[in-house]
Amino acid sequence: MSTQYAWSERFPERPTATEELDRLALNKECVLHLPAAEAEVRRLEERLGMELPASYRQFLLFANGWGNDDDCCLLRVEEIGWLREVDPSVAESWSAPKPEDSWSVPDELYFVYGREQVAGNMRAEYVDDTLLAGYWDDGAVLLNPHVKTPEGEWEAWYLAPWLAGARRYTSFWDLIVDQLRSSTDGVR
C-alpha cells in the first residue's frame, strides 16, 4: 500500500463545481486544474513504460496540472514526458559532456539534501532520463527515476541556470511543499 499524500491539506478547498470554476486560483500567477481521471494517469504510465511515484501520481489525481503560463506551470497529463523527448534542447544543454566534467558526482556529495546541498553536485548523466513535470521561472521541474526512496518515490529536481545545477528533493511531495513554503515566505 502506498503512502497517502495529503494534497487537499496543502491547497485551499475546492469550491462547488460550476462552469466558471474550472480552475481554482492559488495565487495571481498560478491556478490548480481539475483532477486527472485514473484512466488518464494509467495511459500516461503505459506511455512512459513505468509507474509514477505515489506523490506525483496522487497529485495528478488531485490536480491535472498547476498554473497557466511558463512562470508557474506543472504540466497536464497529456503534456508530461521524458525531458529528452518533450524538451530536447534543455536535455542536451544540461547533459552534454564538457571536458572539465567528471560526469558522476560521488555518493557522499550527491546524496545531500536541504540547505547543505550544492546545486552543482547533480549527476548530468541522469538528465536525459528525467521526466519533465513542469516549468517555474527559468527552470524545469523534473522527476528522476534513477534515484528512488525505499517507498518508491523518485528524486525531484528544480533545474535552473541561475542555480548552475539542480535543487534536488527526495520526492515530488518535498519539492512542492518547499515551493509552497517559499512562495508564502516570498523567497525562492
N, C-alpha and C. Protein backbone atom coordinates (compact mmCIF):
# COMPACT_ATOMS: atom_id res chain seq x y z
N MET A 1 0.84 -1.19 0.00
CA MET A 1 0.00 0.00 0.00
C MET A 1 0.88 1.24 0.00
N SER A 2 0.58 2.18 -0.87
CA SER A 2 1.41 3.37 -0.97
C SER A 2 0.99 4.42 0.05
N THR A 3 1.91 5.29 0.35
CA THR A 3 1.66 6.39 1.27
C THR A 3 0.63 7.33 0.66
N GLN A 4 -0.23 7.85 1.49
CA GLN A 4 -1.20 8.83 1.02
C GLN A 4 -0.63 10.23 1.24
N TYR A 5 -0.59 11.01 0.22
CA TYR A 5 -0.09 12.37 0.30
C TYR A 5 -1.28 13.31 0.39
N ALA A 6 -1.31 14.13 1.41
CA ALA A 6 -2.47 14.98 1.73
C ALA A 6 -2.44 16.27 0.92
N TRP A 7 -2.61 16.15 -0.39
CA TRP A 7 -2.61 17.33 -1.25
C TRP A 7 -3.72 18.29 -0.86
N SER A 8 -4.87 17.75 -0.46
CA SER A 8 -6.00 18.62 -0.11
C SER A 8 -5.69 19.47 1.12
N GLU A 9 -4.76 19.04 1.96
CA GLU A 9 -4.37 19.84 3.12
C GLU A 9 -3.38 20.94 2.74
N ARG A 10 -2.71 20.77 1.62
CA ARG A 10 -1.70 21.74 1.17
C ARG A 10 -2.29 22.86 0.33
N PHE A 11 -3.46 22.60 -0.25
CA PHE A 11 -4.10 23.56 -1.13
C PHE A 11 -5.46 23.92 -0.58
N PRO A 12 -5.95 25.13 -0.90
CA PRO A 12 -7.28 25.53 -0.42
C PRO A 12 -8.36 24.56 -0.91
N GLU A 13 -9.42 24.47 -0.15
CA GLU A 13 -10.54 23.60 -0.52
C GLU A 13 -11.16 24.08 -1.83
N ARG A 14 -11.55 23.13 -2.65
CA ARG A 14 -12.17 23.47 -3.94
C ARG A 14 -13.60 23.97 -3.69
N PRO A 15 -14.00 25.02 -4.40
CA PRO A 15 -15.40 25.46 -4.30
C PRO A 15 -16.30 24.47 -5.03
N THR A 16 -17.59 24.60 -4.86
CA THR A 16 -18.51 23.72 -5.57
C THR A 16 -18.35 23.93 -7.07
N ALA A 17 -18.53 22.87 -7.83
CA ALA A 17 -18.27 22.90 -9.28
C ALA A 17 -19.31 23.74 -10.01
N THR A 18 -18.82 24.62 -10.84
CA THR A 18 -19.65 25.35 -11.79
C THR A 18 -18.80 25.52 -13.04
N GLU A 19 -19.42 25.91 -14.15
CA GLU A 19 -18.64 26.09 -15.37
C GLU A 19 -17.57 27.15 -15.21
N GLU A 20 -17.84 28.19 -14.42
CA GLU A 20 -16.88 29.28 -14.23
C GLU A 20 -15.69 28.85 -13.38
N LEU A 21 -15.85 27.82 -12.58
CA LEU A 21 -14.80 27.42 -11.65
C LEU A 21 -14.06 26.19 -12.16
N ASP A 22 -13.63 26.22 -13.42
CA ASP A 22 -12.85 25.12 -13.98
C ASP A 22 -11.50 25.00 -13.28
N ARG A 23 -11.04 26.09 -12.73
CA ARG A 23 -9.74 26.11 -12.06
C ARG A 23 -9.85 26.85 -10.74
N LEU A 24 -9.04 26.46 -9.81
CA LEU A 24 -9.03 27.10 -8.51
C LEU A 24 -7.75 27.93 -8.41
N ALA A 25 -7.89 29.21 -8.24
CA ALA A 25 -6.72 30.08 -8.17
C ALA A 25 -5.99 29.89 -6.85
N LEU A 26 -4.68 29.64 -6.95
CA LEU A 26 -3.85 29.53 -5.75
C LEU A 26 -3.24 30.88 -5.43
N ASN A 27 -2.87 31.60 -6.44
CA ASN A 27 -2.38 32.96 -6.29
C ASN A 27 -2.55 33.64 -7.64
N LYS A 28 -2.06 34.85 -7.79
CA LYS A 28 -2.29 35.58 -9.03
C LYS A 28 -1.66 34.90 -10.24
N GLU A 29 -0.54 34.20 -10.04
CA GLU A 29 0.16 33.59 -11.16
C GLU A 29 -0.27 32.15 -11.44
N CYS A 30 -0.75 31.45 -10.44
CA CYS A 30 -0.95 30.01 -10.59
C CYS A 30 -2.39 29.59 -10.35
N VAL A 31 -2.84 28.62 -11.12
CA VAL A 31 -4.15 28.02 -10.92
C VAL A 31 -3.98 26.51 -10.80
N LEU A 32 -4.83 25.92 -10.01
CA LEU A 32 -4.83 24.48 -9.81
C LEU A 32 -5.92 23.90 -10.70
N HIS A 33 -5.57 23.00 -11.60
CA HIS A 33 -6.53 22.42 -12.54
C HIS A 33 -7.35 21.31 -11.88
N LEU A 34 -8.47 20.99 -12.49
CA LEU A 34 -9.30 19.89 -12.01
C LEU A 34 -8.53 18.57 -12.11
N PRO A 35 -8.89 17.57 -11.34
CA PRO A 35 -8.14 16.30 -11.31
C PRO A 35 -8.11 15.57 -12.65
N ALA A 36 -7.06 14.82 -12.87
CA ALA A 36 -6.99 13.89 -14.00
C ALA A 36 -7.79 12.65 -13.61
N ALA A 37 -8.31 11.97 -14.59
CA ALA A 37 -9.01 10.71 -14.35
C ALA A 37 -7.99 9.60 -14.16
N GLU A 38 -8.35 8.60 -13.40
CA GLU A 38 -7.47 7.44 -13.19
C GLU A 38 -7.04 6.84 -14.53
N ALA A 39 -7.95 6.76 -15.48
CA ALA A 39 -7.62 6.19 -16.80
C ALA A 39 -6.56 7.03 -17.51
N GLU A 40 -6.61 8.36 -17.37
CA GLU A 40 -5.60 9.22 -17.98
C GLU A 40 -4.22 8.97 -17.38
N VAL A 41 -4.17 8.82 -16.08
CA VAL A 41 -2.89 8.58 -15.41
C VAL A 41 -2.34 7.21 -15.80
N ARG A 42 -3.22 6.21 -15.89
CA ARG A 42 -2.77 4.88 -16.34
C ARG A 42 -2.22 4.92 -17.75
N ARG A 43 -2.88 5.67 -18.65
CA ARG A 43 -2.37 5.80 -20.03
C ARG A 43 -1.00 6.47 -20.04
N LEU A 44 -0.82 7.47 -19.19
CA LEU A 44 0.49 8.13 -19.08
C LEU A 44 1.55 7.11 -18.65
N GLU A 45 1.24 6.32 -17.64
CA GLU A 45 2.19 5.31 -17.16
C GLU A 45 2.50 4.29 -18.26
N GLU A 46 1.50 3.91 -19.02
CA GLU A 46 1.72 2.99 -20.14
C GLU A 46 2.62 3.62 -21.19
N ARG A 47 2.37 4.89 -21.50
CA ARG A 47 3.19 5.60 -22.48
C ARG A 47 4.64 5.70 -22.02
N LEU A 48 4.85 5.93 -20.71
CA LEU A 48 6.19 6.06 -20.14
C LEU A 48 6.87 4.70 -19.95
N GLY A 49 6.07 3.66 -19.83
CA GLY A 49 6.62 2.33 -19.60
C GLY A 49 6.98 2.06 -18.16
N MET A 50 6.44 2.83 -17.23
CA MET A 50 6.68 2.61 -15.80
C MET A 50 5.64 3.34 -14.96
N GLU A 51 5.51 2.88 -13.73
CA GLU A 51 4.58 3.50 -12.79
C GLU A 51 5.18 4.78 -12.24
N LEU A 52 4.35 5.77 -12.04
CA LEU A 52 4.77 7.03 -11.46
C LEU A 52 4.95 6.87 -9.95
N PRO A 53 5.80 7.70 -9.34
CA PRO A 53 5.90 7.68 -7.88
C PRO A 53 4.57 8.13 -7.26
N ALA A 54 4.27 7.59 -6.09
CA ALA A 54 2.97 7.82 -5.46
C ALA A 54 2.64 9.30 -5.26
N SER A 55 3.59 10.11 -4.79
CA SER A 55 3.26 11.52 -4.52
C SER A 55 2.87 12.25 -5.81
N TYR A 56 3.54 11.96 -6.91
CA TYR A 56 3.23 12.62 -8.18
C TYR A 56 1.93 12.07 -8.76
N ARG A 57 1.74 10.78 -8.69
CA ARG A 57 0.52 10.15 -9.20
C ARG A 57 -0.70 10.70 -8.46
N GLN A 58 -0.59 10.77 -7.14
CA GLN A 58 -1.69 11.29 -6.34
C GLN A 58 -1.94 12.77 -6.61
N PHE A 59 -0.87 13.53 -6.89
CA PHE A 59 -1.06 14.93 -7.25
C PHE A 59 -1.88 15.05 -8.53
N LEU A 60 -1.54 14.26 -9.55
CA LEU A 60 -2.28 14.31 -10.81
C LEU A 60 -3.75 13.94 -10.62
N LEU A 61 -4.03 13.03 -9.71
CA LEU A 61 -5.41 12.66 -9.42
C LEU A 61 -6.12 13.74 -8.59
N PHE A 62 -5.33 14.61 -7.96
CA PHE A 62 -5.87 15.75 -7.21
C PHE A 62 -6.01 16.97 -8.12
N ALA A 63 -4.98 17.18 -8.98
CA ALA A 63 -4.97 18.34 -9.88
C ALA A 63 -4.17 17.97 -11.13
N ASN A 64 -4.82 18.03 -12.26
CA ASN A 64 -4.16 17.71 -13.53
C ASN A 64 -3.43 18.96 -14.03
N GLY A 65 -2.40 19.34 -13.30
CA GLY A 65 -1.61 20.50 -13.65
C GLY A 65 -1.81 21.65 -12.70
N TRP A 66 -0.85 22.54 -12.74
CA TRP A 66 -0.85 23.70 -11.85
C TRP A 66 -0.26 24.85 -12.64
N GLY A 67 -1.00 25.90 -12.80
CA GLY A 67 -0.51 27.07 -13.50
C GLY A 67 -0.96 27.14 -14.94
N ASN A 68 -0.78 28.31 -15.52
CA ASN A 68 -1.24 28.50 -16.88
C ASN A 68 -0.25 29.25 -17.76
N ASP A 69 0.97 29.42 -17.29
CA ASP A 69 1.99 30.06 -18.12
C ASP A 69 3.36 29.50 -17.77
N ASP A 70 4.37 29.94 -18.49
CA ASP A 70 5.72 29.40 -18.30
C ASP A 70 6.33 29.76 -16.95
N ASP A 71 5.82 30.78 -16.27
CA ASP A 71 6.38 31.17 -14.99
C ASP A 71 5.96 30.26 -13.85
N CYS A 72 4.84 29.60 -13.99
CA CYS A 72 4.34 28.73 -12.93
C CYS A 72 3.50 27.66 -13.59
N CYS A 73 4.11 26.53 -13.87
CA CYS A 73 3.39 25.54 -14.65
C CYS A 73 3.83 24.12 -14.32
N LEU A 74 2.95 23.34 -13.75
CA LEU A 74 3.13 21.89 -13.72
C LEU A 74 2.26 21.36 -14.84
N LEU A 75 2.84 20.53 -15.66
CA LEU A 75 2.18 20.08 -16.89
C LEU A 75 0.97 19.19 -16.63
N ARG A 76 0.05 19.21 -17.58
CA ARG A 76 -1.11 18.34 -17.55
C ARG A 76 -0.68 16.96 -18.07
N VAL A 77 -1.44 15.94 -17.76
CA VAL A 77 -1.10 14.55 -18.10
C VAL A 77 -0.67 14.39 -19.55
N GLU A 78 -1.40 15.02 -20.46
CA GLU A 78 -1.10 14.84 -21.88
C GLU A 78 0.19 15.55 -22.31
N GLU A 79 0.74 16.43 -21.47
CA GLU A 79 1.96 17.17 -21.80
C GLU A 79 3.21 16.58 -21.17
N ILE A 80 3.05 15.73 -20.19
CA ILE A 80 4.16 15.15 -19.43
C ILE A 80 4.91 14.15 -20.30
N GLY A 81 6.22 14.13 -20.17
CA GLY A 81 7.02 13.16 -20.91
C GLY A 81 8.48 13.23 -20.51
N TRP A 82 9.27 12.36 -21.11
CA TRP A 82 10.71 12.34 -20.84
C TRP A 82 11.32 13.63 -21.38
N LEU A 83 12.19 14.24 -20.61
CA LEU A 83 12.79 15.52 -20.99
C LEU A 83 13.42 15.44 -22.38
N ARG A 84 14.12 14.35 -22.68
CA ARG A 84 14.81 14.21 -23.98
C ARG A 84 13.84 14.27 -25.16
N GLU A 85 12.56 13.94 -24.92
CA GLU A 85 11.56 13.94 -25.98
C GLU A 85 10.72 15.22 -26.00
N VAL A 86 10.37 15.72 -24.82
CA VAL A 86 9.49 16.88 -24.73
C VAL A 86 10.26 18.19 -24.93
N ASP A 87 11.45 18.28 -24.36
CA ASP A 87 12.25 19.50 -24.47
C ASP A 87 13.72 19.12 -24.71
N PRO A 88 14.02 18.59 -25.90
CA PRO A 88 15.37 18.09 -26.17
C PRO A 88 16.47 19.14 -26.03
N SER A 89 16.16 20.41 -26.28
CA SER A 89 17.20 21.43 -26.15
C SER A 89 17.65 21.59 -24.70
N VAL A 90 16.71 21.52 -23.76
CA VAL A 90 17.07 21.59 -22.34
C VAL A 90 17.86 20.35 -21.95
N ALA A 91 17.40 19.19 -22.38
CA ALA A 91 18.11 17.94 -22.07
C ALA A 91 19.54 18.00 -22.59
N GLU A 92 19.71 18.43 -23.81
CA GLU A 92 21.04 18.48 -24.42
C GLU A 92 21.95 19.48 -23.72
N SER A 93 21.42 20.65 -23.39
CA SER A 93 22.26 21.67 -22.77
C SER A 93 22.76 21.27 -21.39
N TRP A 94 21.97 20.46 -20.67
CA TRP A 94 22.38 20.06 -19.33
C TRP A 94 23.12 18.73 -19.29
N SER A 95 22.97 17.92 -20.32
CA SER A 95 23.59 16.59 -20.27
C SER A 95 24.79 16.45 -21.18
N ALA A 96 25.02 17.43 -22.07
CA ALA A 96 26.15 17.34 -22.99
C ALA A 96 27.45 17.34 -22.19
N PRO A 97 28.34 16.39 -22.46
CA PRO A 97 29.60 16.35 -21.70
C PRO A 97 30.48 17.56 -22.01
N LYS A 98 31.13 18.03 -21.00
CA LYS A 98 32.09 19.10 -21.14
C LYS A 98 33.43 18.55 -20.69
N PRO A 99 34.53 18.96 -21.29
CA PRO A 99 35.83 18.38 -20.96
C PRO A 99 36.16 18.41 -19.47
N GLU A 100 35.76 19.47 -18.77
CA GLU A 100 36.10 19.57 -17.35
C GLU A 100 35.20 18.71 -16.46
N ASP A 101 34.12 18.19 -17.00
CA ASP A 101 33.19 17.38 -16.20
C ASP A 101 33.75 15.99 -15.95
N SER A 102 33.59 15.54 -14.74
CA SER A 102 33.94 14.15 -14.44
C SER A 102 32.72 13.26 -14.59
N TRP A 103 31.59 13.85 -14.92
CA TRP A 103 30.31 13.19 -15.15
C TRP A 103 29.63 12.72 -13.88
N SER A 104 30.23 11.93 -13.10
CA SER A 104 29.50 11.42 -11.95
C SER A 104 30.00 12.05 -10.66
N VAL A 105 29.07 12.46 -9.84
CA VAL A 105 29.37 13.02 -8.53
C VAL A 105 29.36 11.87 -7.53
N PRO A 106 30.36 11.79 -6.65
CA PRO A 106 30.38 10.71 -5.66
C PRO A 106 29.16 10.76 -4.73
N ASP A 107 28.74 9.60 -4.27
CA ASP A 107 27.56 9.49 -3.41
C ASP A 107 27.60 10.44 -2.21
N GLU A 108 28.75 10.60 -1.59
CA GLU A 108 28.83 11.44 -0.38
C GLU A 108 28.53 12.91 -0.68
N LEU A 109 28.68 13.33 -1.92
CA LEU A 109 28.30 14.68 -2.32
C LEU A 109 26.91 14.73 -2.94
N TYR A 110 26.57 13.67 -3.64
CA TYR A 110 25.28 13.65 -4.35
C TYR A 110 24.10 13.52 -3.39
N PHE A 111 24.18 12.61 -2.45
CA PHE A 111 23.03 12.33 -1.58
C PHE A 111 22.97 13.27 -0.37
N VAL A 112 23.08 14.55 -0.65
CA VAL A 112 22.93 15.59 0.36
C VAL A 112 21.73 16.42 -0.07
N TYR A 113 20.77 16.56 0.83
CA TYR A 113 19.57 17.33 0.53
C TYR A 113 19.45 18.45 1.56
N GLY A 114 18.60 19.40 1.27
CA GLY A 114 18.40 20.51 2.21
C GLY A 114 19.42 21.62 2.01
N ARG A 115 19.61 22.42 3.04
CA ARG A 115 20.47 23.61 2.96
C ARG A 115 21.93 23.29 2.65
N GLU A 116 22.39 22.13 3.04
CA GLU A 116 23.79 21.76 2.81
C GLU A 116 24.07 21.32 1.37
N GLN A 117 23.02 21.13 0.60
CA GLN A 117 23.16 20.66 -0.78
C GLN A 117 23.83 21.72 -1.66
N VAL A 118 24.67 21.28 -2.57
CA VAL A 118 25.28 22.16 -3.57
C VAL A 118 24.62 21.83 -4.91
N ALA A 119 24.00 22.83 -5.53
CA ALA A 119 23.23 22.60 -6.76
C ALA A 119 24.09 21.99 -7.87
N GLY A 120 25.35 22.32 -7.92
CA GLY A 120 26.24 21.77 -8.95
C GLY A 120 26.56 20.31 -8.75
N ASN A 121 26.26 19.77 -7.58
CA ASN A 121 26.51 18.35 -7.31
C ASN A 121 25.35 17.49 -7.79
N MET A 122 25.04 17.63 -9.05
CA MET A 122 23.99 16.82 -9.67
C MET A 122 24.67 15.86 -10.64
N ARG A 123 24.00 14.85 -11.02
CA ARG A 123 24.55 13.89 -11.97
C ARG A 123 23.97 14.16 -13.35
N ALA A 124 24.79 14.82 -14.18
CA ALA A 124 24.35 15.21 -15.52
C ALA A 124 23.95 14.00 -16.36
N GLU A 125 24.52 12.84 -16.06
CA GLU A 125 24.19 11.65 -16.83
C GLU A 125 22.74 11.20 -16.64
N TYR A 126 22.05 11.73 -15.62
CA TYR A 126 20.65 11.39 -15.38
C TYR A 126 19.68 12.28 -16.17
N VAL A 127 20.13 13.44 -16.62
CA VAL A 127 19.24 14.46 -17.18
C VAL A 127 18.36 13.92 -18.31
N ASP A 128 18.94 13.23 -19.29
CA ASP A 128 18.14 12.73 -20.42
C ASP A 128 16.98 11.84 -19.99
N ASP A 129 17.15 11.11 -18.90
CA ASP A 129 16.14 10.15 -18.45
C ASP A 129 15.17 10.71 -17.43
N THR A 130 15.20 12.03 -17.19
CA THR A 130 14.26 12.60 -16.23
C THR A 130 12.91 12.86 -16.89
N LEU A 131 11.90 12.87 -16.07
CA LEU A 131 10.53 13.13 -16.52
C LEU A 131 10.25 14.61 -16.33
N LEU A 132 9.86 15.29 -17.41
CA LEU A 132 9.54 16.71 -17.33
C LEU A 132 8.13 16.86 -16.76
N ALA A 133 8.04 17.47 -15.57
CA ALA A 133 6.76 17.66 -14.91
C ALA A 133 6.27 19.10 -15.01
N GLY A 134 7.18 20.05 -15.30
CA GLY A 134 6.74 21.43 -15.40
C GLY A 134 7.89 22.41 -15.52
N TYR A 135 7.52 23.70 -15.49
CA TYR A 135 8.47 24.80 -15.58
C TYR A 135 8.13 25.83 -14.51
N TRP A 136 9.14 26.38 -13.86
CA TRP A 136 8.98 27.52 -12.96
C TRP A 136 10.06 28.51 -13.30
N ASP A 137 9.67 29.76 -13.38
CA ASP A 137 10.61 30.81 -13.73
C ASP A 137 11.41 30.36 -14.95
N ASP A 138 12.71 30.32 -14.85
CA ASP A 138 13.51 29.89 -16.00
C ASP A 138 14.06 28.47 -15.79
N GLY A 139 13.41 27.70 -14.95
CA GLY A 139 13.88 26.35 -14.65
C GLY A 139 12.84 25.29 -14.99
N ALA A 140 13.26 24.04 -14.83
CA ALA A 140 12.39 22.89 -15.13
C ALA A 140 12.19 22.05 -13.87
N VAL A 141 10.98 21.52 -13.72
CA VAL A 141 10.66 20.59 -12.64
C VAL A 141 10.77 19.19 -13.24
N LEU A 142 11.66 18.38 -12.68
CA LEU A 142 11.96 17.07 -13.23
C LEU A 142 11.84 15.99 -12.15
N LEU A 143 11.50 14.78 -12.58
CA LEU A 143 11.49 13.63 -11.69
C LEU A 143 12.52 12.64 -12.22
N ASN A 144 13.37 12.16 -11.32
CA ASN A 144 14.50 11.33 -11.68
C ASN A 144 14.26 9.87 -11.25
N PRO A 145 13.95 8.98 -12.20
CA PRO A 145 13.69 7.58 -11.83
C PRO A 145 14.95 6.79 -11.47
N HIS A 146 16.13 7.38 -11.64
CA HIS A 146 17.37 6.69 -11.28
C HIS A 146 17.60 6.65 -9.77
N VAL A 147 16.99 7.60 -9.04
CA VAL A 147 17.17 7.65 -7.59
C VAL A 147 15.79 7.54 -6.96
N LYS A 148 15.58 6.45 -6.23
CA LYS A 148 14.28 6.19 -5.61
C LYS A 148 14.46 5.93 -4.12
N THR A 149 13.46 6.34 -3.36
CA THR A 149 13.44 6.03 -1.93
C THR A 149 12.98 4.58 -1.77
N PRO A 150 13.14 4.00 -0.59
CA PRO A 150 12.63 2.64 -0.37
C PRO A 150 11.12 2.52 -0.62
N GLU A 151 10.39 3.64 -0.49
CA GLU A 151 8.94 3.65 -0.73
C GLU A 151 8.61 3.81 -2.21
N GLY A 152 9.62 3.99 -3.05
CA GLY A 152 9.39 4.11 -4.48
C GLY A 152 9.25 5.53 -5.00
N GLU A 153 9.48 6.52 -4.14
CA GLU A 153 9.44 7.92 -4.59
C GLU A 153 10.67 8.21 -5.43
N TRP A 154 10.50 8.97 -6.51
CA TRP A 154 11.61 9.38 -7.35
C TRP A 154 12.16 10.70 -6.84
N GLU A 155 13.46 10.86 -7.00
CA GLU A 155 14.07 12.14 -6.68
C GLU A 155 13.46 13.21 -7.58
N ALA A 156 13.20 14.40 -7.02
CA ALA A 156 12.63 15.52 -7.78
C ALA A 156 13.66 16.64 -7.86
N TRP A 157 13.73 17.26 -9.03
CA TRP A 157 14.72 18.32 -9.27
C TRP A 157 14.03 19.62 -9.69
N TYR A 158 14.59 20.71 -9.24
CA TYR A 158 14.31 22.01 -9.84
C TYR A 158 15.63 22.40 -10.50
N LEU A 159 15.70 22.28 -11.82
CA LEU A 159 16.90 22.51 -12.60
C LEU A 159 16.82 23.90 -13.22
N ALA A 160 17.77 24.77 -12.88
CA ALA A 160 17.72 26.15 -13.38
C ALA A 160 19.12 26.70 -13.63
N PRO A 161 19.26 27.49 -14.68
CA PRO A 161 20.57 28.07 -14.99
C PRO A 161 21.11 28.93 -13.86
N TRP A 162 20.25 29.68 -13.19
CA TRP A 162 20.71 30.55 -12.12
C TRP A 162 21.21 29.77 -10.91
N LEU A 163 20.84 28.50 -10.81
CA LEU A 163 21.37 27.62 -9.76
C LEU A 163 22.68 26.97 -10.18
N ALA A 164 22.96 27.02 -11.48
CA ALA A 164 24.12 26.30 -12.06
C ALA A 164 24.03 24.82 -11.73
N GLY A 165 22.82 24.32 -11.73
CA GLY A 165 22.58 22.91 -11.43
C GLY A 165 21.14 22.70 -11.01
N ALA A 166 20.95 21.77 -10.08
CA ALA A 166 19.60 21.42 -9.65
C ALA A 166 19.49 21.46 -8.14
N ARG A 167 18.36 21.98 -7.67
CA ARG A 167 17.99 21.82 -6.27
C ARG A 167 17.21 20.52 -6.24
N ARG A 168 17.71 19.54 -5.49
CA ARG A 168 17.14 18.20 -5.51
C ARG A 168 16.40 17.90 -4.21
N TYR A 169 15.35 17.10 -4.35
CA TYR A 169 14.50 16.70 -3.22
C TYR A 169 14.31 15.19 -3.28
N THR A 170 14.01 14.58 -2.17
CA THR A 170 13.82 13.13 -2.15
C THR A 170 12.51 12.70 -2.80
N SER A 171 11.59 13.66 -3.03
CA SER A 171 10.31 13.31 -3.65
C SER A 171 9.65 14.55 -4.24
N PHE A 172 8.68 14.32 -5.10
CA PHE A 172 7.86 15.39 -5.66
C PHE A 172 7.13 16.12 -4.53
N TRP A 173 6.63 15.38 -3.56
CA TRP A 173 5.95 15.96 -2.40
C TRP A 173 6.85 17.01 -1.74
N ASP A 174 8.11 16.64 -1.45
CA ASP A 174 9.03 17.55 -0.78
C ASP A 174 9.31 18.80 -1.62
N LEU A 175 9.43 18.64 -2.92
CA LEU A 175 9.67 19.77 -3.81
C LEU A 175 8.49 20.74 -3.75
N ILE A 176 7.28 20.23 -3.85
CA ILE A 176 6.09 21.09 -3.86
C ILE A 176 5.89 21.76 -2.51
N VAL A 177 6.08 21.02 -1.43
CA VAL A 177 5.95 21.62 -0.10
C VAL A 177 6.94 22.76 0.07
N ASP A 178 8.17 22.57 -0.41
CA ASP A 178 9.18 23.63 -0.35
C ASP A 178 8.77 24.82 -1.21
N GLN A 179 8.24 24.55 -2.40
CA GLN A 179 7.79 25.62 -3.30
C GLN A 179 6.65 26.42 -2.65
N LEU A 180 5.69 25.74 -2.05
CA LEU A 180 4.58 26.43 -1.40
C LEU A 180 5.07 27.26 -0.23
N ARG A 181 5.99 26.72 0.54
CA ARG A 181 6.56 27.45 1.67
C ARG A 181 7.33 28.68 1.16
N SER A 182 8.11 28.51 0.12
CA SER A 182 8.88 29.63 -0.45
C SER A 182 7.98 30.71 -0.99
N SER A 183 6.89 30.33 -1.64
CA SER A 183 6.00 31.34 -2.23
C SER A 183 5.25 32.11 -1.15
N THR A 184 4.95 31.46 -0.02
CA THR A 184 4.27 32.19 1.05
C THR A 184 5.25 33.04 1.86
N ASP A 185 6.54 32.61 1.89
CA ASP A 185 7.56 33.39 2.57
C ASP A 185 8.09 34.53 1.70
N GLY A 186 7.77 34.47 0.40
CA GLY A 186 8.24 35.49 -0.52
C GLY A 186 9.66 35.27 -1.00
N VAL A 187 10.19 34.07 -0.77
CA VAL A 187 11.54 33.75 -1.24
C VAL A 187 11.49 32.59 -2.17
N ARG A 188 12.47 32.46 -3.01
CA ARG A 188 12.54 31.35 -3.95
C ARG A 188 13.56 30.36 -3.46
